[in-house]
């Protein structure tokens, strides 16, 4: 049996590092493709006092962002619902904490690309496509 030499291993590691360094996050790719980051004021206008329909993969959720910073959500068709809080930062993010987060906030960047609105987490992964927002007093 032959084993790779240290030179072959080093070459593979260098290639893998170069490949991962050149691959940007979904957030970086969206921005490079012409998407625009929403400001704090734009995020507030989009979310506060609104019912938001959002898709994550093949699941569709309803969220309500109350003016009191209470966030309620439910999976369409059942199977999950939750209540938490949200805050819009001066750093152009919306941060959310649901009951199962045990007080930990997850901050998200919101991008607009044409008519499309998307949320991205701190790692740059797309978390939600925002499908619809309507003024509402609850879910």
Protein backbone atom coordinates (compact mmCIF):
# COMPACT_ATOMS: atom_id res chain seq x y z
CA UNK A 1 0.00 0.00 0.00
CA UNK A 2 1.31 3.47 -0.86
CA UNK A 3 0.76 6.45 1.36
CA UNK A 4 0.79 10.08 0.25
CA UNK A 5 4.06 11.86 0.81
CA UNK A 6 4.25 14.99 2.97
CA UNK A 7 4.60 17.06 -0.22
CA UNK A 8 1.36 15.61 -1.65
CA UNK A 9 -0.44 16.21 1.65
CA UNK A 10 0.84 19.82 1.79
CA UNK A 11 -0.27 20.42 -1.82
CA UNK A 12 -3.75 19.09 -1.07
CA UNK A 13 -4.05 21.25 2.06
CA UNK A 14 -2.94 24.34 0.14
CA UNK A 15 -5.45 23.63 -2.63
CA UNK A 16 -8.27 23.12 -0.11
CA UNK A 17 -7.39 26.35 1.71
CA UNK A 18 -7.25 28.33 -1.53
CA UNK A 19 -10.57 26.89 -2.67
CA UNK A 20 -12.33 27.71 0.59
CA UNK A 21 -10.78 31.19 0.70
CA UNK A 22 -12.04 31.99 -2.77
CA UNK A 23 -15.54 30.73 -2.00
CA UNK A 24 -17.44 33.58 -0.35
CA UNK A 25 -20.38 33.35 1.95
CA UNK A 26 -23.90 33.57 0.60
CA UNK A 27 -24.04 37.11 2.04
CA UNK A 28 -20.85 38.15 0.23
CA UNK A 29 -22.06 36.57 -3.00
CA UNK A 30 -25.42 38.36 -2.76
CA UNK A 31 -23.71 41.72 -2.16
CA UNK A 32 -21.31 41.09 -5.05
CA UNK A 33 -24.35 40.24 -7.21
CA UNK A 34 -25.92 43.65 -6.61
CA UNK A 35 -27.92 43.16 -3.41
CA UNK A 36 -28.14 46.12 -1.04
CA UNK A 37 -27.94 45.99 2.75
CA UNK A 38 -30.97 47.57 4.42
CA UNK A 39 -30.36 50.30 6.99
CA UNK A 40 -31.76 50.17 10.51
CA UNK A 41 -34.53 52.57 9.49
CA UNK A 42 -35.41 50.44 6.45
CA UNK A 43 -35.47 47.28 8.58
CA UNK A 44 -37.77 48.98 11.10
CA UNK A 45 -40.09 50.13 8.30
CA UNK A 46 -40.12 46.62 6.86
CA UNK A 47 -40.75 44.70 10.10
CA UNK A 48 -42.17 46.71 13.00
CA UNK A 49 -45.93 46.22 13.34
CA UNK A 50 -45.90 43.76 10.44
CA UNK A 51 -46.84 40.15 9.81
CA UNK A 52 -44.01 38.61 7.78
CA UNK A 53 -44.24 35.43 5.74
CA UNK A 54 -40.78 33.90 5.38
CA UNK A 55 -39.39 30.75 3.78
CA UNK A 56 -36.44 28.72 5.07
CA UNK A 57 -35.77 25.85 2.71
CA UNK A 58 -39.11 24.11 2.16
CA UNK A 59 -40.70 25.49 5.35
CA UNK A 60 -42.85 28.63 5.46
CA UNK A 61 -43.25 30.64 8.65
CA UNK A 62 -45.44 33.50 9.82
CA UNK A 63 -43.84 36.05 12.15
CA UNK A 64 -45.29 39.12 13.83
CA UNK A 65 -42.92 41.90 14.93
CA UNK A 66 -44.98 43.84 17.49
CA UNK A 67 -44.13 47.51 18.14
CA UNK A 68 -43.36 46.40 21.74
CA UNK A 69 -40.39 44.34 20.48
CA UNK A 70 -42.23 41.06 21.04
CA UNK A 71 -41.76 38.52 18.26
CA UNK A 72 -44.22 35.69 17.67
CA UNK A 73 -43.78 32.98 15.08
CA UNK A 74 -45.42 29.85 13.77
CA UNK A 75 -44.72 27.25 11.13
CA UNK A 76 -47.47 27.20 8.51
CA UNK A 77 -49.27 23.88 8.82
CA UNK A 78 -48.31 23.50 12.50
CA UNK A 79 -45.47 21.78 14.26
CA UNK A 80 -43.80 24.86 15.76
CA UNK A 81 -44.70 28.14 17.37
CA UNK A 82 -42.74 30.44 19.62
CA UNK A 83 -42.54 33.80 21.29
CA UNK A 84 -39.49 35.94 21.91
CA UNK A 85 -38.10 39.40 21.43
CA UNK A 86 -36.36 41.37 18.71
CA UNK A 87 -34.25 44.50 18.50
CA UNK A 88 -33.07 46.56 15.56
CA UNK A 89 -29.50 47.72 16.06
CA UNK A 90 -27.69 50.89 15.02
CA UNK A 91 -25.45 48.49 13.08
CA UNK A 92 -28.17 47.73 10.51
CA UNK A 93 -29.20 44.34 11.86
CA UNK A 94 -32.29 42.81 13.40
CA UNK A 95 -31.52 40.59 16.38
CA UNK A 96 -34.00 37.96 17.56
CA UNK A 97 -34.27 35.74 20.61
CA UNK A 98 -36.98 33.12 20.85
CA UNK A 99 -37.81 31.29 24.10
CA UNK A 100 -35.70 28.26 23.11
CA UNK A 101 -32.65 30.56 22.66
CA UNK A 102 -32.52 31.02 26.47
CA UNK A 103 -31.96 34.77 26.15
CA UNK A 104 -29.32 34.59 23.44
CA UNK A 105 -29.88 36.96 20.50
CA UNK A 106 -29.09 36.00 16.92
CA UNK A 107 -28.41 39.02 14.71
CA UNK A 108 -29.36 39.02 11.05
CA UNK A 109 -28.52 41.22 8.07
CA UNK A 110 -31.36 42.04 5.69
CA UNK A 111 -30.66 42.46 1.97
CA UNK A 112 -32.79 43.66 -0.91
CA UNK A 113 -32.00 42.34 -4.37
CA UNK A 114 -34.54 43.73 -6.80
CA UNK A 115 -37.92 42.68 -5.42
CA UNK A 116 -36.37 39.98 -3.22
CA UNK A 117 -35.70 40.39 0.53
CA UNK A 118 -33.44 37.97 2.38
CA UNK A 119 -32.00 37.54 5.89
CA UNK A 120 -28.47 36.30 6.57
CA UNK A 121 -26.94 35.14 9.86
CA UNK A 122 -23.60 36.19 11.37
CA UNK A 123 -21.76 33.45 9.40
CA UNK A 124 -23.14 34.85 6.14
CA UNK A 125 -25.59 31.97 5.55
CA UNK A 126 -28.99 32.82 4.12
CA UNK A 127 -31.62 31.99 6.72
CA UNK A 128 -34.88 33.31 5.24
CA UNK A 129 -36.45 34.64 2.08
CA UNK A 130 -39.05 37.23 3.07
CA UNK A 131 -42.07 36.53 0.89
CA UNK A 132 -44.61 39.06 2.16
CA UNK A 133 -45.00 41.78 4.77
CA UNK A 134 -48.34 43.27 5.79
CA UNK A 135 -49.38 45.64 8.55
CA UNK A 136 -51.00 43.56 11.29
CA UNK A 137 -51.68 43.50 15.01
CA UNK A 138 -50.78 39.81 15.35
CA UNK A 139 -50.30 36.55 13.54
